[in-house]
Amino acid sequence: MERMYRNRLLLLHEWRDIAYRIARIVKNLYPEAKVHLIGGIAENRITVNSDIDIAVVFKNRVKWRRKNRYLNIY
């Protein structure tokens, strides 16, 4: 259990890099999209149970290539 929390803390320590990478990928695919960091990290409330919440707002309707609207990226 301790190892799991240590790994989560290491990832959360790099949240800015992770968020910027995601934003760059979204902007490369959809240049008109707006990418927002929301939730606890955006409000500087980071705990070991935090996650990175990112909202993507599209200017136009997007046709999804997959049936699910989320992907696990780790």
C-alpha atoms as a PDB file:
ATOM      1  CA  MET A   1       0.000   0.000   0.000  1.00  0.00           C
ATOM      2  CA  GLU A   2       2.798   2.422   0.890  1.00  0.00           C
ATOM      3  CA  ARG A   3       4.428   1.834  -2.500  1.00  0.00           C
ATOM      4  CA  MET A   4       1.157   2.673  -4.278  1.00  0.00           C
ATOM      5  CA  TYR A   5       0.919   6.019  -2.467  1.00  0.00           C
ATOM      6  CA  ARG A   6       4.564   6.774  -3.158  1.00  0.00           C
ATOM      7  CA  ASN A   7       4.023   6.160  -6.881  1.00  0.00           C
ATOM      8  CA  ARG A   8       0.895   8.353  -6.891  1.00  0.00           C
ATOM      9  CA  LEU A   9       2.766  11.154  -5.156  1.00  0.00           C
ATOM     10  CA  LEU A  10       5.588  10.935  -7.683  1.00  0.00           C
ATOM     11  CA  LEU A  11       3.086  11.239 -10.538  1.00  0.00           C
ATOM     12  CA  LEU A  12       1.233  14.101  -8.860  1.00  0.00           C
ATOM     13  CA  HIS A  13       4.551  15.877  -8.361  1.00  0.00           C
ATOM     14  CA  GLU A  14       4.748  16.017 -12.172  1.00  0.00           C
ATOM     15  CA  TRP A  15       1.129  17.057 -12.741  1.00  0.00           C
ATOM     16  CA  ARG A  16       2.083  20.176 -14.712  1.00  0.00           C
ATOM     17  CA  ASP A  17       4.142  18.195 -17.202  1.00  0.00           C
ATOM     18  CA  ILE A  18       1.382  15.619 -17.595  1.00  0.00           C
ATOM     19  CA  ALA A  19      -1.310  18.289 -18.081  1.00  0.00           C
ATOM     20  CA  TYR A  20       0.778  20.191 -20.649  1.00  0.00           C
ATOM     21  CA  ARG A  21       1.462  16.997 -22.593  1.00  0.00           C
ATOM     22  CA  ILE A  22      -2.242  16.207 -22.731  1.00  0.00           C
ATOM     23  CA  ALA A  23      -3.058  19.780 -23.769  1.00  0.00           C
ATOM     24  CA  ARG A  24      -0.481  19.662 -26.580  1.00  0.00           C
ATOM     25  CA  ILE A  25      -1.899  16.385 -27.887  1.00  0.00           C
ATOM     26  CA  VAL A  26      -5.456  17.757 -27.847  1.00  0.00           C
ATOM     27  CA  LYS A  27      -4.381  21.008 -29.537  1.00  0.00           C
ATOM     28  CA  ASN A  28      -2.496  19.081 -32.227  1.00  0.00           C
ATOM     29  CA  LEU A  29      -5.599  17.014 -33.000  1.00  0.00           C
ATOM     30  CA  TYR A  30      -8.157  19.816 -32.525  1.00  0.00           C
ATOM     31  CA  PRO A  31      -6.502  23.267 -32.768  1.00  0.00           C
ATOM     32  CA  GLU A  32      -9.784  25.074 -32.017  1.00  0.00           C
ATOM     33  CA  ALA A  33     -10.324  23.202 -28.734  1.00  0.00           C
ATOM     34  CA  LYS A  34      -9.888  24.831 -25.341  1.00  0.00           C
ATOM     35  CA  VAL A  35      -8.196  22.754 -22.639  1.00  0.00           C
ATOM     36  CA  HIS A  36      -8.849  23.576 -18.974  1.00  0.00           C
ATOM     37  CA  LEU A  37      -7.401  22.207 -15.760  1.00  0.00           C
ATOM     38  CA  ILE A  38     -10.210  21.874 -13.218  1.00  0.00           C
ATOM     39  CA  GLY A  39     -10.782  20.338  -9.805  1.00  0.00           C
ATOM     40  CA  GLY A  40      -8.572  20.087  -6.765  1.00  0.00           C
ATOM     41  CA  ILE A  41      -5.249  20.510  -8.525  1.00  0.00           C
ATOM     42  CA  ALA A  42      -6.472  23.699 -10.214  1.00  0.00           C
ATOM     43  CA  GLU A  43      -7.428  24.960  -6.747  1.00  0.00           C
ATOM     44  CA  ASN A  44      -4.074  23.873  -5.261  1.00  0.00           C
ATOM     45  CA  ARG A  45      -5.706  21.170  -3.108  1.00  0.00           C
ATOM     46  CA  ILE A  46      -3.436  18.224  -3.880  1.00  0.00           C
ATOM     47  CA  THR A  47      -3.579  15.102  -1.726  1.00  0.00           C
ATOM     48  CA  VAL A  48      -2.390  11.535  -2.198  1.00  0.00           C
ATOM     49  CA  ASN A  49      -5.886  10.704  -3.494  1.00  0.00           C
ATOM     50  CA  SER A  50      -5.960  13.532  -6.048  1.00  0.00           C
ATOM     51  CA  ASP A  51      -6.346  13.017  -9.749  1.00  0.00           C
ATOM     52  CA  ILE A  52      -5.803  15.360 -12.670  1.00  0.00           C
ATOM     53  CA  ASP A  53      -9.103  16.692 -14.017  1.00  0.00           C
ATOM     54  CA  ILE A  54      -8.933  18.151 -17.497  1.00  0.00           C
ATOM     55  CA  ALA A  55     -11.898  19.528 -19.421  1.00  0.00           C
ATOM     56  CA  VAL A  56     -11.761  19.828 -23.196  1.00  0.00           C
ATOM     57  CA  VAL A  57     -14.213  22.205 -24.865  1.00  0.00           C
ATOM     58  CA  PHE A  58     -14.689  21.836 -28.594  1.00  0.00           C
ATOM     59  CA  LYS A  59     -15.855  24.684 -30.816  1.00  0.00           C
ATOM     60  CA  ASN A  60     -17.761  22.299 -33.087  1.00  0.00           C
ATOM     61  CA  ARG A  61     -19.328  18.904 -32.573  1.00  0.00           C
ATOM     62  CA  VAL A  62     -16.713  16.150 -32.704  1.00  0.00           C
ATOM     63  CA  LYS A  63     -17.303  12.732 -34.236  1.00  0.00           C
ATOM     64  CA  TRP A  64     -15.895  10.175 -31.842  1.00  0.00           C
ATOM     65  CA  ARG A  65     -13.841   7.378 -33.322  1.00  0.00           C
ATOM     66  CA  ARG A  66     -14.430   5.158 -30.323  1.00  0.00           C
ATOM     67  CA  LYS A  67     -17.644   4.206 -28.581  1.00  0.00           C
ATOM     68  CA  ASN A  68     -16.359   5.138 -25.138  1.00  0.00           C
ATOM     69  CA  ARG A  69     -15.498   8.730 -24.444  1.00  0.00           C
ATOM     70  CA  TYR A  70     -12.546   8.119 -22.192  1.00  0.00           C
ATOM     71  CA  LEU A  71      -9.301   6.257 -22.450  1.00  0.00           C
ATOM     72  CA  ASN A  72      -6.902   5.025 -19.817  1.00  0.00           C
ATOM     73  CA  ILE A  73      -3.547   6.466 -20.802  1.00  0.00           C
ATOM     74  CA  TYR A  74      -1.289   4.867 -18.245  1.00  0.00           C
END
